[in-house]
Amino acid sequence: MLRAVVTGNVWSTKRIEGLPNGAFLELVTENGGAHLVAFDVLGTGIGEHVLVAQGSVAAAWFPGTPPPVDALVIGSIDQPPAAKPTRAAKSVAPSTAKAKTNPE
């Protein structure tokens, strides 16, 4: 399973029989940045973060004889991951606390 972002629609007015209502979407994977086209029956839109199943698992979702689909949007991620902190944000600021002295 992959995490991806929907970047566009792929318009296809002619397609094979057996595909349910849905759309072909252009996606970019979150980690590797690979581009792929996936079939979507959920109605997700551009900019949404989605989960994608690939290979025979994607094709097995379709009833009857599976169509030649090797990527299927199976979920829309409600909260995409927060941006990873940059190196500068990870550095610790110098302590502003004053050293305590031991009165004797």
PDB file of N, CA and C in Angstrom:
ATOM      1  N   MET A   1       0.846  -1.168   0.000  1.00  0.00           N
ATOM      2  CA  MET A   1       0.000   0.000   0.000  1.00  0.00           C
ATOM      3  C   MET A   1       0.897   1.238   0.000  1.00  0.00           C
ATOM      4  N   LEU A   2       0.449   2.251  -0.729  1.00  0.00           N
ATOM      5  CA  LEU A   2       1.211   3.491  -0.846  1.00  0.00           C
ATOM      6  C   LEU A   2       0.401   4.676  -0.348  1.00  0.00           C
ATOM      7  N   ARG A   3       1.111   5.700   0.117  1.00  0.00           N
ATOM      8  CA  ARG A   3       0.493   6.997   0.389  1.00  0.00           C
ATOM      9  C   ARG A   3       0.839   7.882  -0.791  1.00  0.00           C
ATOM     10  N   ALA A   4      -0.157   8.628  -1.274  1.00  0.00           N
ATOM     11  CA  ALA A   4       0.070   9.478  -2.441  1.00  0.00           C
ATOM     12  C   ALA A   4      -0.799  10.722  -2.352  1.00  0.00           C
ATOM     13  N   VAL A   5      -0.500  11.683  -3.232  1.00  0.00           N
ATOM     14  CA  VAL A   5      -1.278  12.913  -3.344  1.00  0.00           C
ATOM     15  C   VAL A   5      -1.841  12.966  -4.757  1.00  0.00           C
ATOM     16  N   VAL A   6      -3.122  13.298  -4.873  1.00  0.00           N
ATOM     17  CA  VAL A   6      -3.765  13.420  -6.182  1.00  0.00           C
ATOM     18  C   VAL A   6      -3.289  14.719  -6.825  1.00  0.00           C
ATOM     19  N   THR A   7      -2.714  14.604  -8.032  1.00  0.00           N
ATOM     20  CA  THR A   7      -2.197  15.787  -8.725  1.00  0.00           C
ATOM     21  C   THR A   7      -2.998  16.153  -9.964  1.00  0.00           C
ATOM     22  N   GLY A   8      -3.873  15.270 -10.422  1.00  0.00           N
ATOM     23  CA  GLY A   8      -4.657  15.607 -11.604  1.00  0.00           C
ATOM     24  C   GLY A   8      -5.582  14.484 -12.026  1.00  0.00           C
ATOM     25  N   ASN A   9      -6.407  14.783 -13.009  1.00  0.00           N
ATOM     26  CA  ASN A   9      -7.324  13.804 -13.598  1.00  0.00           C
ATOM     27  C   ASN A   9      -6.765  13.333 -14.927  1.00  0.00           C
ATOM     28  N   VAL A  10      -7.045  12.092 -15.267  1.00  0.00           N
ATOM     29  CA  VAL A  10      -6.703  11.557 -16.585  1.00  0.00           C
ATOM     30  C   VAL A  10      -8.030  11.272 -17.264  1.00  0.00           C
ATOM     31  N   TRP A  11      -8.347  12.030 -18.299  1.00  0.00           N
ATOM     32  CA  TRP A  11      -9.640  11.912 -18.968  1.00  0.00           C
ATOM     33  C   TRP A  11      -9.602  10.795 -19.993  1.00  0.00           C
ATOM     34  N   SER A  12     -10.588   9.895 -19.920  1.00  0.00           N
ATOM     35  CA  SER A  12     -10.682   8.775 -20.844  1.00  0.00           C
ATOM     36  C   SER A  12     -12.152   8.556 -21.171  1.00  0.00           C
ATOM     37  N   THR A  13     -12.567   9.006 -22.349  1.00  0.00           N
ATOM     38  CA  THR A  13     -13.976   8.860 -22.718  1.00  0.00           C
ATOM     39  C   THR A  13     -14.285   7.460 -23.227  1.00  0.00           C
ATOM     40  N   LYS A  14     -13.282   6.758 -23.688  1.00  0.00           N
ATOM     41  CA  LYS A  14     -13.459   5.369 -24.118  1.00  0.00           C
ATOM     42  C   LYS A  14     -12.662   4.491 -23.171  1.00  0.00           C
ATOM     43  N   ARG A  15     -13.336   3.481 -22.634  1.00  0.00           N
ATOM     44  CA  ARG A  15     -12.638   2.540 -21.762  1.00  0.00           C
ATOM     45  C   ARG A  15     -13.270   1.164 -21.873  1.00  0.00           C
ATOM     46  N   ILE A  16     -12.585   0.179 -21.356  1.00  0.00           N
ATOM     47  CA  ILE A  16     -13.059  -1.197 -21.473  1.00  0.00           C
ATOM     48  C   ILE A  16     -14.332  -1.399 -20.662  1.00  0.00           C
ATOM     49  N   GLU A  17     -15.115  -2.386 -21.075  1.00  0.00           N
ATOM     50  CA  GLU A  17     -16.314  -2.741 -20.322  1.00  0.00           C
ATOM     51  C   GLU A  17     -15.895  -3.403 -19.015  1.00  0.00           C
ATOM     52  N   GLY A  18     -16.725  -3.278 -18.029  1.00  0.00           N
ATOM     53  CA  GLY A  18     -16.444  -3.924 -16.753  1.00  0.00           C
ATOM     54  C   GLY A  18     -15.933  -2.979 -15.686  1.00  0.00           C
ATOM     55  N   LEU A  19     -15.524  -1.777 -16.083  1.00  0.00           N
ATOM     56  CA  LEU A  19     -15.094  -0.820 -15.071  1.00  0.00           C
ATOM     57  C   LEU A  19     -16.328  -0.145 -14.476  1.00  0.00           C
ATOM     58  N   PRO A  20     -16.410  -0.062 -13.151  1.00  0.00           N
ATOM     59  CA  PRO A  20     -17.540   0.650 -12.547  1.00  0.00           C
ATOM     60  C   PRO A  20     -17.370   2.157 -12.750  1.00  0.00           C
ATOM     61  N   ASN A  21     -18.365   2.917 -12.309  1.00  0.00           N
ATOM     62  CA  ASN A  21     -18.223   4.367 -12.379  1.00  0.00           C
ATOM     63  C   ASN A  21     -17.037   4.784 -11.533  1.00  0.00           C
ATOM     64  N   GLY A  22     -16.227   5.640 -12.065  1.00  0.00           N
ATOM     65  CA  GLY A  22     -15.033   6.090 -11.366  1.00  0.00           C
ATOM     66  C   GLY A  22     -14.195   6.938 -12.290  1.00  0.00           C
ATOM     67  N   ALA A  23     -13.029   7.306 -11.816  1.00  0.00           N
ATOM     68  CA  ALA A  23     -12.148   8.182 -12.588  1.00  0.00           C
ATOM     69  C   ALA A  23     -10.717   7.682 -12.502  1.00  0.00           C
ATOM     70  N   PHE A  24      -9.955   8.013 -13.514  1.00  0.00           N
ATOM     71  CA  PHE A  24      -8.520   7.766 -13.484  1.00  0.00           C
ATOM     72  C   PHE A  24      -7.861   9.033 -12.948  1.00  0.00           C
ATOM     73  N   LEU A  25      -6.991   8.867 -11.960  1.00  0.00           N
ATOM     74  CA  LEU A  25      -6.315  10.005 -11.347  1.00  0.00           C
ATOM     75  C   LEU A  25      -4.815   9.883 -11.490  1.00  0.00           C
ATOM     76  N   GLU A  26      -4.168  11.017 -11.649  1.00  0.00           N
ATOM     77  CA  GLU A  26      -2.708  11.057 -11.634  1.00  0.00           C
ATOM     78  C   GLU A  26      -2.287  11.318 -10.192  1.00  0.00           C
ATOM     79  N   LEU A  27      -1.353  10.496  -9.708  1.00  0.00           N
ATOM     80  CA  LEU A  27      -0.898  10.583  -8.323  1.00  0.00           C
ATOM     81  C   LEU A  27       0.614  10.705  -8.267  1.00  0.00           C
ATOM     82  N   VAL A  28       1.101  11.279  -7.173  1.00  0.00           N
ATOM     83  CA  VAL A  28       2.529  11.296  -6.877  1.00  0.00           C
ATOM     84  C   VAL A  28       2.684  10.693  -5.490  1.00  0.00           C
ATOM     85  N   THR A  29       3.532   9.675  -5.375  1.00  0.00           N
ATOM     86  CA  THR A  29       3.729   9.034  -4.076  1.00  0.00           C
ATOM     87  C   THR A  29       4.434   9.997  -3.132  1.00  0.00           C
ATOM     88  N   GLU A  30       4.138   9.864  -1.837  1.00  0.00           N
ATOM     89  CA  GLU A  30       4.676  10.805  -0.858  1.00  0.00           C
ATOM     90  C   GLU A  30       6.167  10.616  -0.612  1.00  0.00           C
ATOM     91  N   ASN A  31       6.640   9.388  -0.522  1.00  0.00           N
ATOM     92  CA  ASN A  31       8.046   9.180  -0.180  1.00  0.00           C
ATOM     93  C   ASN A  31       8.979   9.248  -1.377  1.00  0.00           C
ATOM     94  N   GLY A  32       8.638   8.552  -2.440  1.00  0.00           N
ATOM     95  CA  GLY A  32       9.550   8.482  -3.568  1.00  0.00           C
ATOM     96  C   GLY A  32       9.293   9.492  -4.657  1.00  0.00           C
ATOM     97  N   GLY A  33       8.124  10.097  -4.665  1.00  0.00           N
ATOM     98  CA  GLY A  33       7.801  11.055  -5.709  1.00  0.00           C
ATOM     99  C   GLY A  33       7.509  10.413  -7.053  1.00  0.00           C
ATOM    100  N   ALA A  34       7.227   9.095  -7.063  1.00  0.00           N
ATOM    101  CA  ALA A  34       6.916   8.412  -8.319  1.00  0.00           C
ATOM    102  C   ALA A  34       5.526   8.816  -8.795  1.00  0.00           C
ATOM    103  N   HIS A  35       5.352   8.911 -10.104  1.00  0.00           N
ATOM    104  CA  HIS A  35       4.064   9.252 -10.705  1.00  0.00           C
ATOM    105  C   HIS A  35       3.363   7.964 -11.109  1.00  0.00           C
ATOM    106  N   LEU A  36       2.053   7.897 -10.871  1.00  0.00           N
ATOM    107  CA  LEU A  36       1.287   6.747 -11.320  1.00  0.00           C
ATOM    108  C   LEU A  36      -0.153   7.171 -11.575  1.00  0.00           C
ATOM    109  N   VAL A  37      -0.858   6.334 -12.317  1.00  0.00           N
ATOM    110  CA  VAL A  37      -2.277   6.543 -12.587  1.00  0.00           C
ATOM    111  C   VAL A  37      -3.033   5.457 -11.838  1.00  0.00           C
ATOM    112  N   ALA A  38      -4.062   5.866 -11.101  1.00  0.00           N
ATOM    113  CA  ALA A  38      -4.857   4.914 -10.325  1.00  0.00           C
ATOM    114  C   ALA A  38      -6.333   5.123 -10.620  1.00  0.00           C
ATOM    115  N   PHE A  39      -7.102   4.056 -10.478  1.00  0.00           N
ATOM    116  CA  PHE A  39      -8.547   4.141 -10.654  1.00  0.00           C
ATOM    117  C   PHE A  39      -9.161   4.510  -9.313  1.00  0.00           C
ATOM    118  N   ASP A  40     -10.143   5.413  -9.333  1.00  0.00           N
ATOM    119  CA  ASP A  40     -10.746   5.924  -8.102  1.00  0.00           C
ATOM    120  C   ASP A  40     -12.262   5.833  -8.178  1.00  0.00           C
ATOM    121  N   VAL A  41     -12.866   5.119  -7.240  1.00  0.00           N
ATOM    122  CA  VAL A  41     -14.327   5.041  -7.164  1.00  0.00           C
ATOM    123  C   VAL A  41     -14.861   5.873  -6.004  1.00  0.00           C
ATOM    124  N   LEU A  42     -13.965   6.489  -5.240  1.00  0.00           N
ATOM    125  CA  LEU A  42     -14.366   7.244  -4.056  1.00  0.00           C
ATOM    126  C   LEU A  42     -14.716   8.699  -4.353  1.00  0.00           C
ATOM    127  N   GLY A  43     -14.218   9.229  -5.454  1.00  0.00           N
ATOM    128  CA  GLY A  43     -14.483  10.624  -5.785  1.00  0.00           C
ATOM    129  C   GLY A  43     -13.522  11.598  -5.135  1.00  0.00           C
ATOM    130  N   THR A  44     -12.283  11.188  -4.933  1.00  0.00           N
ATOM    131  CA  THR A  44     -11.302  12.088  -4.334  1.00  0.00           C
ATOM    132  C   THR A  44     -10.913  13.173  -5.327  1.00  0.00           C
ATOM    133  N   GLY A  45     -10.363  14.260  -4.800  1.00  0.00           N
ATOM    134  CA  GLY A  45     -10.044  15.398  -5.653  1.00  0.00           C
ATOM    135  C   GLY A  45      -8.579  15.778  -5.603  1.00  0.00           C
ATOM    136  N   ILE A  46      -8.223  16.707  -6.458  1.00  0.00           N
ATOM    137  CA  ILE A  46      -6.844  17.179  -6.553  1.00  0.00           C
ATOM    138  C   ILE A  46      -6.414  17.762  -5.209  1.00  0.00           C
ATOM    139  N   GLY A  47      -5.219  17.368  -4.787  1.00  0.00           N
ATOM    140  CA  GLY A  47      -4.661  17.837  -3.524  1.00  0.00           C
ATOM    141  C   GLY A  47      -4.925  16.912  -2.349  1.00  0.00           C
ATOM    142  N   GLU A  48      -5.832  15.956  -2.508  1.00  0.00           N
ATOM    143  CA  GLU A  48      -6.129  15.035  -1.407  1.00  0.00           C
ATOM    144  C   GLU A  48      -5.023  13.998  -1.254  1.00  0.00           C
ATOM    145  N   HIS A  49      -4.791  13.602  -0.013  1.00  0.00           N
ATOM    146  CA  HIS A  49      -3.849  12.533   0.295  1.00  0.00           C
ATOM    147  C   HIS A  49      -4.652  11.240   0.337  1.00  0.00           C
ATOM    148  N   VAL A  50      -4.147  10.206  -0.338  1.00  0.00           N
ATOM    149  CA  VAL A  50      -4.902   8.963  -0.482  1.00  0.00           C
ATOM    150  C   VAL A  50      -4.033   7.748  -0.192  1.00  0.00           C
ATOM    151  N   LEU A  51      -4.705   6.616   0.050  1.00  0.00           N
ATOM    152  CA  LEU A  51      -4.051   5.315   0.155  1.00  0.00           C
ATOM    153  C   LEU A  51      -4.311   4.567  -1.140  1.00  0.00           C
ATOM    154  N   VAL A  52      -3.291   3.897  -1.653  1.00  0.00           N
ATOM    155  CA  VAL A  52      -3.388   3.221  -2.943  1.00  0.00           C
ATOM    156  C   VAL A  52      -2.928   1.776  -2.794  1.00  0.00           C
ATOM    157  N   ALA A  53      -3.752   0.857  -3.292  1.00  0.00           N
ATOM    158  CA  ALA A  53      -3.361  -0.554  -3.382  1.00  0.00           C
ATOM    159  C   ALA A  53      -2.891  -0.794  -4.808  1.00  0.00           C
ATOM    160  N   GLN A  54      -1.886  -1.655  -4.955  1.00  0.00           N
ATOM    161  CA  GLN A  54      -1.335  -1.931  -6.284  1.00  0.00           C
ATOM    162  C   GLN A  54      -1.321  -3.420  -6.570  1.00  0.00           C
ATOM    163  N   GLY A  55      -1.202  -3.720  -7.855  1.00  0.00           N
ATOM    164  CA  GLY A  55      -1.032  -5.098  -8.298  1.00  0.00           C
ATOM    165  C   GLY A  55      -2.307  -5.914  -8.238  1.00  0.00           C
ATOM    166  N   SER A  56      -2.155  -7.206  -8.003  1.00  0.00           N
ATOM    167  CA  SER A  56      -3.298  -8.121  -8.026  1.00  0.00           C
ATOM    168  C   SER A  56      -4.309  -7.797  -6.936  1.00  0.00           C
ATOM    169  N   VAL A  57      -3.865  -7.202  -5.842  1.00  0.00           N
ATOM    170  CA  VAL A  57      -4.782  -6.809  -4.773  1.00  0.00           C
ATOM    171  C   VAL A  57      -5.751  -5.750  -5.281  1.00  0.00           C
ATOM    172  N   ALA A  58      -5.257  -4.800  -6.060  1.00  0.00           N
ATOM    173  CA  ALA A  58      -6.119  -3.756  -6.631  1.00  0.00           C
ATOM    174  C   ALA A  58      -7.119  -4.365  -7.604  1.00  0.00           C
ATOM    175  N   ALA A  59      -6.671  -5.243  -8.464  1.00  0.00           N
ATOM    176  CA  ALA A  59      -7.549  -5.855  -9.465  1.00  0.00           C
ATOM    177  C   ALA A  59      -8.583  -6.767  -8.820  1.00  0.00           C
ATOM    178  N   ALA A  60      -8.237  -7.401  -7.698  1.00  0.00           N
ATOM    179  CA  ALA A  60      -9.145  -8.341  -7.041  1.00  0.00           C
ATOM    180  C   ALA A  60     -10.369  -7.653  -6.448  1.00  0.00           C
ATOM    181  N   TRP A  61     -10.328  -6.348  -6.256  1.00  0.00           N
ATOM    182  CA  TRP A  61     -11.469  -5.626  -5.691  1.00  0.00           C
ATOM    183  C   TRP A  61     -12.672  -5.648  -6.633  1.00  0.00           C
ATOM    184  N   PHE A  62     -12.421  -5.689  -7.935  1.00  0.00           N
ATOM    185  CA  PHE A  62     -13.498  -5.629  -8.921  1.00  0.00           C
ATOM    186  C   PHE A  62     -14.223  -6.970  -8.988  1.00  0.00           C
ATOM    187  N   PRO A  63     -15.570  -6.938  -9.056  1.00  0.00           N
ATOM    188  CA  PRO A  63     -16.311  -8.199  -9.149  1.00  0.00           C
ATOM    189  C   PRO A  63     -16.136  -8.844 -10.520  1.00  0.00           C
ATOM    190  N   GLY A  64     -16.294 -10.156 -10.561  1.00  0.00           N
ATOM    191  CA  GLY A  64     -16.189 -10.862 -11.841  1.00  0.00           C
ATOM    192  C   GLY A  64     -14.758 -10.917 -12.330  1.00  0.00           C
ATOM    193  N   THR A  65     -14.620 -10.847 -13.634  1.00  0.00           N
ATOM    194  CA  THR A  65     -13.288 -10.863 -14.233  1.00  0.00           C
ATOM    195  C   THR A  65     -12.606  -9.532 -13.958  1.00  0.00           C
ATOM    196  N   PRO A  66     -11.468  -9.547 -13.268  1.00  0.00           N
ATOM    197  CA  PRO A  66     -10.827  -8.283 -12.933  1.00  0.00           C
ATOM    198  C   PRO A  66     -10.296  -7.568 -14.178  1.00  0.00           C
ATOM    199  N   PRO A  67     -10.547  -6.269 -14.283  1.00  0.00           N
ATOM    200  CA  PRO A  67     -10.014  -5.505 -15.409  1.00  0.00           C
ATOM    201  C   PRO A  67      -8.519  -5.264 -15.218  1.00  0.00           C
ATOM    202  N   PRO A  68      -7.841  -4.835 -16.250  1.00  0.00           N
ATOM    203  CA  PRO A  68      -6.399  -4.598 -16.138  1.00  0.00           C
ATOM    204  C   PRO A  68      -6.090  -3.288 -15.409  1.00  0.00           C
ATOM    205  N   VAL A  69      -6.415  -3.253 -14.121  1.00  0.00           N
ATOM    206  CA  VAL A  69      -6.129  -2.090 -13.276  1.00  0.00           C
ATOM    207  C   VAL A  69      -5.073  -2.522 -12.273  1.00  0.00           C
ATOM    208  N   ASP A  70      -3.963  -1.804 -12.207  1.00  0.00           N
ATOM    209  CA  ASP A  70      -2.921  -2.205 -11.264  1.00  0.00           C
ATOM    210  C   ASP A  70      -2.720  -1.215 -10.127  1.00  0.00           C
ATOM    211  N   ALA A  71      -3.563  -0.165 -10.045  1.00  0.00           N
ATOM    212  CA  ALA A  71      -3.514   0.765  -8.918  1.00  0.00           C
ATOM    213  C   ALA A  71      -4.935   1.251  -8.643  1.00  0.00           C
ATOM    214  N   LEU A  72      -5.339   1.194  -7.378  1.00  0.00           N
ATOM    215  CA  LEU A  72      -6.702   1.537  -6.987  1.00  0.00           C
ATOM    216  C   LEU A  72      -6.661   2.394  -5.728  1.00  0.00           C
ATOM    217  N   VAL A  73      -7.335   3.548  -5.766  1.00  0.00           N
ATOM    218  CA  VAL A  73      -7.456   4.389  -4.574  1.00  0.00           C
ATOM    219  C   VAL A  73      -8.427   3.684  -3.633  1.00  0.00           C
ATOM    220  N   ILE A  74      -7.957   3.354  -2.422  1.00  0.00           N
ATOM    221  CA  ILE A  74      -8.800   2.614  -1.484  1.00  0.00           C
ATOM    222  C   ILE A  74      -9.190   3.439  -0.267  1.00  0.00           C
ATOM    223  N   GLY A  75      -8.640   4.636  -0.131  1.00  0.00           N
ATOM    224  CA  GLY A  75      -8.997   5.470   1.011  1.00  0.00           C
ATOM    225  C   GLY A  75      -8.495   6.885   0.851  1.00  0.00           C
ATOM    226  N   SER A  76      -9.204   7.801   1.496  1.00  0.00           N
ATOM    227  CA  SER A  76      -8.794   9.201   1.542  1.00  0.00           C
ATOM    228  C   SER A  76      -8.302   9.477   2.957  1.00  0.00           C
ATOM    229  N   ILE A  77      -7.099  10.001   3.084  1.00  0.00           N
ATOM    230  CA  ILE A  77      -6.506  10.244   4.399  1.00  0.00           C
ATOM    231  C   ILE A  77      -7.093  11.535   4.963  1.00  0.00           C
ATOM    232  N   ASP A  78      -7.708  11.439   6.143  1.00  0.00           N
ATOM    233  CA  ASP A  78      -8.371  12.595   6.742  1.00  0.00           C
ATOM    234  C   ASP A  78      -7.395  13.688   7.155  1.00  0.00           C
ATOM    235  N   GLN A  79      -6.299  13.309   7.786  1.00  0.00           N
ATOM    236  CA  GLN A  79      -5.308  14.291   8.199  1.00  0.00           C
ATOM    237  C   GLN A  79      -3.961  13.895   7.633  1.00  0.00           C
ATOM    238  N   PRO A  80      -3.493  14.626   6.610  1.00  0.00           N
ATOM    239  CA  PRO A  80      -2.176  14.300   6.074  1.00  0.00           C
ATOM    240  C   PRO A  80      -1.112  14.544   7.134  1.00  0.00           C
ATOM    241  N   PRO A  81       0.035  13.903   7.005  1.00  0.00           N
ATOM    242  CA  PRO A  81       1.084  14.064   8.008  1.00  0.00           C
ATOM    243  C   PRO A  81       1.563  15.503   8.063  1.00  0.00           C
ATOM    244  N   ALA A  82       1.919  15.939   9.264  1.00  0.00           N
ATOM    245  CA  ALA A  82       2.467  17.286   9.421  1.00  0.00           C
ATOM    246  C   ALA A  82       3.822  17.343   8.740  1.00  0.00           C
ATOM    247  N   ALA A  83       4.194  18.525   8.319  1.00  0.00           N
ATOM    248  CA  ALA A  83       5.488  18.697   7.659  1.00  0.00           C
ATOM    249  C   ALA A  83       6.599  18.304   8.624  1.00  0.00           C
ATOM    250  N   LYS A  84       7.594  17.643   8.098  1.00  0.00           N
ATOM    251  CA  LYS A  84       8.718  17.238   8.930  1.00  0.00           C
ATOM    252  C   LYS A  84       9.516  18.477   9.315  1.00  0.00           C
ATOM    253  N   PRO A  85       9.969  18.551  10.572  1.00  0.00           N
ATOM    254  CA  PRO A  85      10.746  19.725  10.970  1.00  0.00           C
ATOM    255  C   PRO A  85      12.071  19.778  10.230  1.00  0.00           C
ATOM    256  N   THR A  86      12.497  20.977   9.938  1.00  0.00           N
ATOM    257  CA  THR A  86      13.776  21.154   9.252  1.00  0.00           C
ATOM    258  C   THR A  86      14.906  20.995  10.256  1.00  0.00           C
ATOM    259  N   ARG A  87      16.108  20.916   9.752  1.00  0.00           N
ATOM    260  CA  ARG A  87      17.271  20.773  10.621  1.00  0.00           C
ATOM    261  C   ARG A  87      17.354  21.952  11.588  1.00  0.00           C
ATOM    262  N   ALA A  88      17.063  23.157  11.103  1.00  0.00           N
ATOM    263  CA  ALA A  88      17.131  24.341  11.955  1.00  0.00           C
ATOM    264  C   ALA A  88      16.107  24.262  13.080  1.00  0.00           C
ATOM    265  N   ALA A  89      14.933  23.725  12.791  1.00  0.00           N
ATOM    266  CA  ALA A  89      13.892  23.622  13.816  1.00  0.00           C
ATOM    267  C   ALA A  89      14.243  22.567  14.851  1.00  0.00           C
ATOM    268  N   LYS A  90      15.063  21.596  14.474  1.00  0.00           N
ATOM    269  CA  LYS A  90      15.433  20.537  15.404  1.00  0.00           C
ATOM    270  C   LYS A  90      16.512  20.984  16.386  1.00  0.00           C
ATOM    271  N   SER A  91      17.292  22.002  16.009  1.00  0.00           N
ATOM    272  CA  SER A  91      18.381  22.411  16.890  1.00  0.00           C
ATOM    273  C   SER A  91      17.801  23.015  18.162  1.00  0.00           C
ATOM    274  N   VAL A  92      18.475  22.798  19.246  1.00  0.00           N
ATOM    275  CA  VAL A  92      17.995  23.263  20.538  1.00  0.00           C
ATOM    276  C   VAL A  92      18.534  24.658  20.778  1.00  0.00           C
ATOM    277  N   ALA A  93      17.649  25.551  21.166  1.00  0.00           N
ATOM    278  CA  ALA A  93      18.073  26.921  21.471  1.00  0.00           C
ATOM    279  C   ALA A  93      18.877  26.909  22.756  1.00  0.00           C
ATOM    280  N   PRO A  94      19.848  27.812  22.869  1.00  0.00           N
ATOM    281  CA  PRO A  94      20.641  27.859  24.100  1.00  0.00           C
ATOM    282  C   PRO A  94      19.742  28.161  25.295  1.00  0.00           C
ATOM    283  N   SER A  95      20.087  27.592  26.410  1.00  0.00           N
ATOM    284  CA  SER A  95      19.287  27.760  27.617  1.00  0.00           C
ATOM    285  C   SER A  95      19.403  29.182  28.124  1.00  0.00           C
ATOM    286  N   THR A  96      18.269  29.758  28.490  1.00  0.00           N
ATOM    287  CA  THR A  96      18.268  31.112  29.044  1.00  0.00           C
ATOM    288  C   THR A  96      18.116  31.080  30.555  1.00  0.00           C
ATOM    289  N   ALA A  97      18.010  29.887  31.122  1.00  0.00           N
ATOM    290  CA  ALA A  97      17.867  29.773  32.576  1.00  0.00           C
ATOM    291  C   ALA A  97      19.187  30.108  33.247  1.00  0.00           C
ATOM    292  N   LYS A  98      19.088  30.837  34.363  1.00  0.00           N
ATOM    293  CA  LYS A  98      20.295  31.201  35.106  1.00  0.00           C
ATOM    294  C   LYS A  98      20.683  30.044  36.013  1.00  0.00           C
ATOM    295  N   ALA A  99      21.969  29.872  36.152  1.00  0.00           N
ATOM    296  CA  ALA A  99      22.457  28.818  37.031  1.00  0.00           C
ATOM    297  C   ALA A  99      22.151  29.198  38.470  1.00  0.00           C
ATOM    298  N   LYS A 100      21.684  28.228  39.223  1.00  0.00           N
ATOM    299  CA  LYS A 100      21.382  28.485  40.629  1.00  0.00           C
ATOM    300  C   LYS A 100      22.668  28.373  41.433  1.00  0.00           C
ATOM    301  N   THR A 101      22.821  29.293  42.351  1.00  0.00           N
ATOM    302  CA  THR A 101      23.985  29.219  43.231  1.00  0.00           C
ATOM    303  C   THR A 101      23.536  28.654  44.564  1.00  0.00           C
ATOM    304  N   ASN A 102      24.422  27.978  45.225  1.00  0.00           N
ATOM    305  CA  ASN A 102      24.115  27.370  46.509  1.00  0.00           C
ATOM    306  C   ASN A 102      24.565  28.324  47.606  1.00  0.00           C
ATOM    307  N   PRO A 103      23.624  28.986  48.288  1.00  0.00           N
ATOM    308  CA  PRO A 103      24.043  29.923  49.344  1.00  0.00           C
ATOM    309  C   PRO A 103      24.593  29.158  50.545  1.00  0.00           C
ATOM    310  N   GLU A 104      25.720  29.595  51.059  1.00  0.00           N
ATOM    311  CA  GLU A 104      26.319  28.936  52.220  1.00  0.00           C
ATOM    312  C   GLU A 104      26.622  29.919  53.284  1.00  0.00           C
TER     313      GLU A 104
END
